[in-house]
């Protein structure tokens, strides 16, 4: 998984980068087919905003969260992203056919 972290009017400190990596570790634990993540952290007056664009096979997922604190916005962003990825994963699993030949046991002759 590639992580591209960008800051608008915010300096990306090593502590902030480590916090983002720890939050995104939960996402890769639930869904391991993530190709890359582009995150933008920005500050607009009193609003601290975090945006993430996640590229997975066949789909791009965009999530944004805003709060008064950057760490709180990253927490809510990670929760939203986790919910969307789990929903996508469940949707893909429901498309699989349980009655396909490769999922059936072979009959002894």
C-alpha atoms as a PDB file:
ATOM      1  CA  UNK A   1       0.000   0.000   0.000  1.00  0.00           C
ATOM      2  CA  UNK A   2       1.349   3.383  -1.015  1.00  0.00           C
ATOM      3  CA  UNK A   3       0.486   6.393   1.112  1.00  0.00           C
ATOM      4  CA  UNK A   4       0.669   9.916  -0.285  1.00  0.00           C
ATOM      5  CA  UNK A   5       0.202  12.475   2.500  1.00  0.00           C
ATOM      6  CA  UNK A   6      -0.198  16.159   1.597  1.00  0.00           C
ATOM      7  CA  UNK A   7      -0.785  19.174   3.806  1.00  0.00           C
ATOM      8  CA  UNK A   8      -2.484  22.435   2.847  1.00  0.00           C
ATOM      9  CA  UNK A   9      -1.655  25.149   5.378  1.00  0.00           C
ATOM     10  CA  UNK A  10      -0.489  22.330   7.668  1.00  0.00           C
ATOM     11  CA  UNK A  11       2.984  20.986   8.298  1.00  0.00           C
ATOM     12  CA  UNK A  12       3.097  17.187   8.254  1.00  0.00           C
ATOM     13  CA  UNK A  13       5.102  16.326  11.359  1.00  0.00           C
ATOM     14  CA  UNK A  14       6.523  12.855  12.018  1.00  0.00           C
ATOM     15  CA  UNK A  15       4.030  12.443  14.888  1.00  0.00           C
ATOM     16  CA  UNK A  16       1.112  13.235  12.569  1.00  0.00           C
ATOM     17  CA  UNK A  17       2.473  10.848   9.920  1.00  0.00           C
ATOM     18  CA  UNK A  18       2.805   8.055  12.515  1.00  0.00           C
ATOM     19  CA  UNK A  19      -0.753   8.693  13.716  1.00  0.00           C
ATOM     20  CA  UNK A  20      -2.088   8.431  10.154  1.00  0.00           C
ATOM     21  CA  UNK A  21      -0.141   5.197   9.597  1.00  0.00           C
ATOM     22  CA  UNK A  22      -1.513   3.680  12.816  1.00  0.00           C
ATOM     23  CA  UNK A  23      -5.088   4.589  11.825  1.00  0.00           C
ATOM     24  CA  UNK A  24      -4.676   3.170   8.319  1.00  0.00           C
ATOM     25  CA  UNK A  25      -3.239  -0.072   9.683  1.00  0.00           C
ATOM     26  CA  UNK A  26      -6.758  -1.011  10.808  1.00  0.00           C
ATOM     27  CA  UNK A  27      -8.008  -0.519   7.267  1.00  0.00           C
ATOM     28  CA  UNK A  28      -5.384  -2.792   5.741  1.00  0.00           C
ATOM     29  CA  UNK A  29      -6.165  -5.372   8.433  1.00  0.00           C
ATOM     30  CA  UNK A  30      -9.818  -5.517   7.333  1.00  0.00           C
ATOM     31  CA  UNK A  31      -9.266  -5.147   3.584  1.00  0.00           C
ATOM     32  CA  UNK A  32      -5.844  -6.013   2.182  1.00  0.00           C
ATOM     33  CA  UNK A  33      -6.437  -5.199  -1.512  1.00  0.00           C
ATOM     34  CA  UNK A  34      -5.717  -1.474  -1.122  1.00  0.00           C
ATOM     35  CA  UNK A  35      -3.402  -0.260  -3.884  1.00  0.00           C
ATOM     36  CA  UNK A  36      -2.736   3.302  -2.731  1.00  0.00           C
ATOM     37  CA  UNK A  37      -4.153   6.051  -0.532  1.00  0.00           C
ATOM     38  CA  UNK A  38      -3.902   9.781  -1.192  1.00  0.00           C
ATOM     39  CA  UNK A  39      -4.628  11.937   1.853  1.00  0.00           C
ATOM     40  CA  UNK A  40      -4.947  15.709   2.056  1.00  0.00           C
ATOM     41  CA  UNK A  41      -4.890  17.423   5.442  1.00  0.00           C
ATOM     42  CA  UNK A  42      -5.985  21.050   5.412  1.00  0.00           C
ATOM     43  CA  UNK A  43      -6.850  23.896   7.760  1.00  0.00           C
ATOM     44  CA  UNK A  44      -9.505  26.482   6.928  1.00  0.00           C
ATOM     45  CA  UNK A  45     -10.033  29.031   9.700  1.00  0.00           C
ATOM     46  CA  UNK A  46     -11.385  26.970  12.624  1.00  0.00           C
ATOM     47  CA  UNK A  47     -12.058  23.793  10.651  1.00  0.00           C
ATOM     48  CA  UNK A  48      -9.431  21.056  10.353  1.00  0.00           C
ATOM     49  CA  UNK A  49     -10.258  18.794   7.437  1.00  0.00           C
ATOM     50  CA  UNK A  50      -8.945  15.411   6.319  1.00  0.00           C
ATOM     51  CA  UNK A  51      -9.701  13.889   2.920  1.00  0.00           C
ATOM     52  CA  UNK A  52      -8.729  10.462   1.630  1.00  0.00           C
ATOM     53  CA  UNK A  53      -8.961   8.952  -1.821  1.00  0.00           C
ATOM     54  CA  UNK A  54      -8.456   5.182  -1.680  1.00  0.00           C
ATOM     55  CA  UNK A  55      -7.712   3.270  -4.863  1.00  0.00           C
ATOM     56  CA  UNK A  56      -8.679  -0.390  -4.776  1.00  0.00           C
ATOM     57  CA  UNK A  57      -9.032  -2.804  -7.658  1.00  0.00           C
ATOM     58  CA  UNK A  58     -11.929  -1.613  -9.774  1.00  0.00           C
ATOM     59  CA  UNK A  59     -13.024   1.302  -7.610  1.00  0.00           C
ATOM     60  CA  UNK A  60     -11.968   4.597  -6.018  1.00  0.00           C
ATOM     61  CA  UNK A  61     -13.413   5.504  -2.623  1.00  0.00           C
ATOM     62  CA  UNK A  62     -13.439   9.121  -1.438  1.00  0.00           C
ATOM     63  CA  UNK A  63     -13.974  10.058   2.225  1.00  0.00           C
ATOM     64  CA  UNK A  64     -13.729  13.377   4.013  1.00  0.00           C
ATOM     65  CA  UNK A  65     -14.111  14.467   7.625  1.00  0.00           C
ATOM     66  CA  UNK A  66     -13.871  17.837   9.359  1.00  0.00           C
ATOM     67  CA  UNK A  67     -13.556  18.715  13.041  1.00  0.00           C
ATOM     68  CA  UNK A  68     -12.030  21.311  15.339  1.00  0.00           C
ATOM     69  CA  UNK A  69      -9.015  19.055  15.998  1.00  0.00           C
ATOM     70  CA  UNK A  70      -6.914  17.322  13.325  1.00  0.00           C
ATOM     71  CA  UNK A  71      -6.591  14.112  15.332  1.00  0.00           C
ATOM     72  CA  UNK A  72     -10.372  13.947  15.835  1.00  0.00           C
ATOM     73  CA  UNK A  73     -10.945  14.453  12.115  1.00  0.00           C
ATOM     74  CA  UNK A  74      -8.472  11.642  11.368  1.00  0.00           C
ATOM     75  CA  UNK A  75     -10.352   9.372  13.796  1.00  0.00           C
ATOM     76  CA  UNK A  76     -13.687  10.001  12.124  1.00  0.00           C
ATOM     77  CA  UNK A  77     -12.103   9.657   8.669  1.00  0.00           C
ATOM     78  CA  UNK A  78     -10.682   6.247   9.597  1.00  0.00           C
ATOM     79  CA  UNK A  79     -14.091   5.116  10.896  1.00  0.00           C
ATOM     80  CA  UNK A  80     -15.881   6.250   7.725  1.00  0.00           C
ATOM     81  CA  UNK A  81     -13.270   4.667   5.498  1.00  0.00           C
ATOM     82  CA  UNK A  82     -13.413   1.399   7.414  1.00  0.00           C
ATOM     83  CA  UNK A  83     -17.217   1.254   7.075  1.00  0.00           C
ATOM     84  CA  UNK A  84     -17.094   1.933   3.334  1.00  0.00           C
ATOM     85  CA  UNK A  85     -14.390  -0.653   2.697  1.00  0.00           C
ATOM     86  CA  UNK A  86     -16.229  -3.304   4.717  1.00  0.00           C
ATOM     87  CA  UNK A  87     -19.423  -2.531   2.791  1.00  0.00           C
ATOM     88  CA  UNK A  88     -17.513  -2.870  -0.501  1.00  0.00           C
ATOM     89  CA  UNK A  89     -15.939  -6.134   0.674  1.00  0.00           C
ATOM     90  CA  UNK A  90     -19.318  -7.591   1.687  1.00  0.00           C
ATOM     91  CA  UNK A  91     -20.841  -6.529  -1.615  1.00  0.00           C
ATOM     92  CA  UNK A  92     -18.075  -8.284  -3.546  1.00  0.00           C
ATOM     93  CA  UNK A  93     -18.473 -11.443  -1.470  1.00  0.00           C
ATOM     94  CA  UNK A  94     -22.210 -11.514  -2.147  1.00  0.00           C
ATOM     95  CA  UNK A  95     -21.509 -11.611  -5.896  1.00  0.00           C
ATOM     96  CA  UNK A  96     -19.606 -14.849  -5.575  1.00  0.00           C
ATOM     97  CA  UNK A  97     -21.589 -17.907  -6.490  1.00  0.00           C
ATOM     98  CA  UNK A  98     -21.667 -20.571  -3.803  1.00  0.00           C
ATOM     99  CA  UNK A  99     -23.002 -23.137  -6.255  1.00  0.00           C
ATOM    100  CA  UNK A 100     -20.074 -22.795  -8.641  1.00  0.00           C
ATOM    101  CA  UNK A 101     -18.205 -25.965  -9.513  1.00  0.00           C
ATOM    102  CA  UNK A 102     -14.989 -24.889  -7.848  1.00  0.00           C
ATOM    103  CA  UNK A 103     -16.809 -24.371  -4.515  1.00  0.00           C
ATOM    104  CA  UNK A 104     -18.467 -27.799  -4.536  1.00  0.00           C
ATOM    105  CA  UNK A 105     -16.827 -30.892  -3.150  1.00  0.00           C
ATOM    106  CA  UNK A 106     -15.906 -33.611  -5.608  1.00  0.00           C
ATOM    107  CA  UNK A 107     -18.110 -36.707  -5.561  1.00  0.00           C
ATOM    108  CA  UNK A 108     -16.208 -39.947  -5.051  1.00  0.00           C
ATOM    109  CA  UNK A 109     -16.511 -42.429  -7.915  1.00  0.00           C
END
